[in-house]
């Protein structure tokens, strides 16, 4: 298991949160995650043999949100 934090551009509406939740929730290997609306972050626990921070970032960017940074713990 690996913990990641993705810093996103500012989220401005609740539907943004729902779109990100749907995109991240479809990725195999995401064990659990939370979208922090006020902080504009996604915190996730992943199985690194099935997915990566880069893959999650790409999924978020593919629906129109910029990922500003990624941290892997």
N, C-alpha and C. Protein backbone atom coordinates (compact mmCIF):
# COMPACT_ATOMS: atom_id res chain seq x y z
N UNK A 1 0.83 -1.17 0.00
CA UNK A 1 0.00 0.00 0.00
C UNK A 1 0.88 1.24 0.00
N UNK A 2 0.42 2.24 -0.72
CA UNK A 2 1.15 3.50 -0.83
C UNK A 2 0.15 4.64 -0.65
N UNK A 3 0.55 5.67 0.09
CA UNK A 3 -0.32 6.83 0.28
C UNK A 3 0.15 7.94 -0.64
N UNK A 4 -0.82 8.60 -1.29
CA UNK A 4 -0.49 9.71 -2.17
C UNK A 4 -1.39 10.90 -1.86
N UNK A 5 -0.89 12.08 -2.18
CA UNK A 5 -1.66 13.31 -2.07
C UNK A 5 -1.47 14.08 -3.37
N UNK A 6 -2.57 14.43 -3.99
CA UNK A 6 -2.54 15.23 -5.21
C UNK A 6 -3.11 16.61 -4.91
N UNK A 7 -2.35 17.65 -5.18
CA UNK A 7 -2.84 19.02 -5.03
C UNK A 7 -3.43 19.44 -6.36
N UNK A 8 -4.69 19.87 -6.33
CA UNK A 8 -5.39 20.26 -7.55
C UNK A 8 -5.54 21.77 -7.62
N UNK A 9 -5.94 22.24 -8.80
CA UNK A 9 -6.33 23.63 -8.91
C UNK A 9 -7.55 23.83 -8.01
N UNK A 10 -7.88 25.07 -7.70
CA UNK A 10 -8.98 25.34 -6.78
C UNK A 10 -10.29 24.74 -7.30
N UNK A 11 -10.97 24.00 -6.43
CA UNK A 11 -12.28 23.44 -6.77
C UNK A 11 -13.33 24.48 -6.40
N UNK A 12 -14.25 24.76 -7.32
CA UNK A 12 -15.19 25.85 -7.10
C UNK A 12 -16.65 25.42 -6.95
N UNK A 13 -16.95 24.16 -7.22
CA UNK A 13 -18.35 23.74 -7.10
C UNK A 13 -18.44 22.28 -6.66
N UNK A 14 -19.53 21.93 -5.98
CA UNK A 14 -19.70 20.54 -5.53
C UNK A 14 -19.70 19.53 -6.68
N UNK A 15 -20.15 19.93 -7.85
CA UNK A 15 -20.15 18.98 -8.97
C UNK A 15 -18.72 18.64 -9.40
N UNK A 16 -17.77 19.56 -9.18
CA UNK A 16 -16.36 19.26 -9.45
C UNK A 16 -15.92 18.08 -8.60
N UNK A 17 -16.28 18.13 -7.33
CA UNK A 17 -15.94 17.06 -6.39
C UNK A 17 -16.51 15.73 -6.86
N UNK A 18 -17.77 15.74 -7.29
CA UNK A 18 -18.42 14.51 -7.73
C UNK A 18 -17.76 13.94 -8.99
N UNK A 19 -17.35 14.80 -9.90
CA UNK A 19 -16.68 14.33 -11.12
C UNK A 19 -15.35 13.67 -10.79
N UNK A 20 -14.60 14.28 -9.87
CA UNK A 20 -13.31 13.71 -9.48
C UNK A 20 -13.51 12.39 -8.75
N UNK A 21 -14.50 12.34 -7.85
CA UNK A 21 -14.78 11.08 -7.14
C UNK A 21 -15.11 9.97 -8.12
N UNK A 22 -15.90 10.27 -9.14
CA UNK A 22 -16.27 9.26 -10.13
C UNK A 22 -15.05 8.78 -10.91
N UNK A 23 -14.19 9.71 -11.31
CA UNK A 23 -13.01 9.35 -12.11
C UNK A 23 -12.03 8.50 -11.30
N UNK A 24 -11.75 8.92 -10.07
CA UNK A 24 -10.79 8.19 -9.24
C UNK A 24 -11.37 6.85 -8.79
N UNK A 25 -12.66 6.82 -8.52
CA UNK A 25 -13.32 5.60 -8.06
C UNK A 25 -13.31 4.47 -9.07
N UNK A 26 -13.12 4.80 -10.35
CA UNK A 26 -13.10 3.78 -11.41
C UNK A 26 -11.74 3.14 -11.61
N UNK A 27 -10.71 3.66 -10.97
CA UNK A 27 -9.35 3.18 -11.22
C UNK A 27 -9.07 1.95 -10.37
N UNK A 28 -8.70 0.86 -11.04
CA UNK A 28 -8.33 -0.36 -10.32
C UNK A 28 -7.05 -0.11 -9.54
N UNK A 29 -7.04 -0.55 -8.30
CA UNK A 29 -5.86 -0.37 -7.47
C UNK A 29 -5.99 0.76 -6.47
N UNK A 30 -7.06 1.55 -6.59
CA UNK A 30 -7.32 2.59 -5.59
C UNK A 30 -8.07 1.91 -4.45
N UNK A 31 -7.43 1.81 -3.30
CA UNK A 31 -8.01 1.10 -2.16
C UNK A 31 -9.00 1.97 -1.42
N UNK A 32 -8.65 3.22 -1.20
CA UNK A 32 -9.59 4.19 -0.63
C UNK A 32 -9.07 5.58 -0.98
N UNK A 33 -10.00 6.54 -1.00
CA UNK A 33 -9.60 7.90 -1.33
C UNK A 33 -10.61 8.89 -0.78
N UNK A 34 -10.19 10.13 -0.69
CA UNK A 34 -11.07 11.21 -0.25
C UNK A 34 -10.70 12.46 -1.03
N UNK A 35 -11.71 13.15 -1.53
CA UNK A 35 -11.50 14.44 -2.17
C UNK A 35 -11.78 15.51 -1.13
N UNK A 36 -10.79 16.34 -0.86
CA UNK A 36 -10.93 17.42 0.13
C UNK A 36 -11.26 18.70 -0.63
N UNK A 37 -12.54 19.06 -0.62
CA UNK A 37 -13.03 20.18 -1.43
C UNK A 37 -12.36 21.50 -1.05
N UNK A 38 -12.37 21.85 0.23
CA UNK A 38 -11.83 23.15 0.67
C UNK A 38 -10.33 23.26 0.44
N UNK A 39 -9.60 22.16 0.55
CA UNK A 39 -8.15 22.17 0.35
C UNK A 39 -7.76 21.88 -1.10
N UNK A 40 -8.73 21.49 -1.93
CA UNK A 40 -8.48 21.12 -3.33
C UNK A 40 -7.42 20.03 -3.44
N UNK A 41 -7.61 18.97 -2.66
CA UNK A 41 -6.67 17.85 -2.66
C UNK A 41 -7.40 16.53 -2.80
N UNK A 42 -6.68 15.54 -3.29
CA UNK A 42 -7.14 14.16 -3.28
C UNK A 42 -6.11 13.37 -2.48
N UNK A 43 -6.58 12.70 -1.43
CA UNK A 43 -5.73 11.80 -0.66
C UNK A 43 -6.19 10.39 -0.97
N UNK A 44 -5.23 9.51 -1.25
CA UNK A 44 -5.60 8.15 -1.62
C UNK A 44 -4.59 7.15 -1.10
N UNK A 45 -5.09 5.94 -0.89
CA UNK A 45 -4.24 4.79 -0.63
C UNK A 45 -4.38 3.88 -1.84
N UNK A 46 -3.24 3.50 -2.40
CA UNK A 46 -3.27 2.72 -3.63
C UNK A 46 -2.42 1.46 -3.51
N UNK A 47 -2.70 0.52 -4.39
CA UNK A 47 -1.86 -0.66 -4.56
C UNK A 47 -0.90 -0.32 -5.69
N UNK A 48 0.38 -0.06 -5.39
CA UNK A 48 1.30 0.38 -6.44
C UNK A 48 1.58 -0.66 -7.52
N UNK A 49 1.17 -1.90 -7.31
CA UNK A 49 1.33 -2.90 -8.37
C UNK A 49 0.21 -2.79 -9.41
N UNK A 50 -0.84 -2.01 -9.11
CA UNK A 50 -1.97 -1.88 -10.02
C UNK A 50 -2.17 -0.47 -10.57
N UNK A 51 -1.72 0.55 -9.85
CA UNK A 51 -1.90 1.93 -10.31
C UNK A 51 -0.78 2.80 -9.74
N UNK A 52 -0.79 4.06 -10.11
CA UNK A 52 0.25 4.99 -9.65
C UNK A 52 -0.35 6.38 -9.47
N UNK A 53 0.40 7.24 -8.80
CA UNK A 53 -0.02 8.64 -8.64
C UNK A 53 -0.17 9.30 -10.01
N UNK A 54 0.71 8.95 -10.93
CA UNK A 54 0.66 9.52 -12.27
C UNK A 54 -0.63 9.11 -13.00
N UNK A 55 -1.03 7.86 -12.84
CA UNK A 55 -2.26 7.39 -13.49
C UNK A 55 -3.48 8.10 -12.92
N UNK A 56 -3.51 8.28 -11.61
CA UNK A 56 -4.62 8.98 -10.99
C UNK A 56 -4.63 10.44 -11.43
N UNK A 57 -3.46 11.06 -11.45
CA UNK A 57 -3.36 12.44 -11.93
C UNK A 57 -3.84 12.58 -13.36
N UNK A 58 -3.48 11.64 -14.21
CA UNK A 58 -3.92 11.67 -15.61
C UNK A 58 -5.43 11.54 -15.73
N UNK A 59 -6.03 10.68 -14.90
CA UNK A 59 -7.48 10.52 -14.92
C UNK A 59 -8.18 11.82 -14.51
N UNK A 60 -7.63 12.49 -13.51
CA UNK A 60 -8.21 13.76 -13.06
C UNK A 60 -8.04 14.83 -14.14
N UNK A 61 -6.87 14.89 -14.75
CA UNK A 61 -6.64 15.88 -15.81
C UNK A 61 -7.49 15.60 -17.04
N UNK A 62 -7.80 14.33 -17.31
CA UNK A 62 -8.61 13.99 -18.48
C UNK A 62 -10.04 14.50 -18.38
N UNK A 63 -10.49 14.83 -17.16
CA UNK A 63 -11.84 15.38 -17.01
C UNK A 63 -11.80 16.90 -16.80
N UNK A 64 -10.62 17.50 -16.99
CA UNK A 64 -10.54 18.96 -17.03
C UNK A 64 -10.01 19.67 -15.80
N UNK A 65 -9.38 18.94 -14.88
CA UNK A 65 -8.84 19.57 -13.67
C UNK A 65 -7.32 19.44 -13.68
N UNK A 66 -6.64 20.53 -13.36
CA UNK A 66 -5.18 20.52 -13.33
C UNK A 66 -4.67 19.96 -12.01
N UNK A 67 -3.69 19.07 -12.10
CA UNK A 67 -3.00 18.56 -10.92
C UNK A 67 -1.73 19.39 -10.79
N UNK A 68 -1.62 20.11 -9.68
CA UNK A 68 -0.48 21.01 -9.48
C UNK A 68 0.74 20.30 -8.93
N UNK A 69 0.52 19.29 -8.07
CA UNK A 69 1.65 18.55 -7.50
C UNK A 69 1.18 17.19 -7.00
N UNK A 70 2.15 16.29 -6.83
CA UNK A 70 1.90 14.95 -6.31
C UNK A 70 2.91 14.64 -5.23
N UNK A 71 2.43 14.07 -4.13
CA UNK A 71 3.33 13.61 -3.07
C UNK A 71 3.05 12.14 -2.83
N UNK A 72 4.12 11.38 -2.67
CA UNK A 72 4.00 9.95 -2.36
C UNK A 72 4.62 9.74 -1.00
N UNK A 73 3.86 9.11 -0.12
CA UNK A 73 4.37 8.87 1.24
C UNK A 73 4.69 7.41 1.42
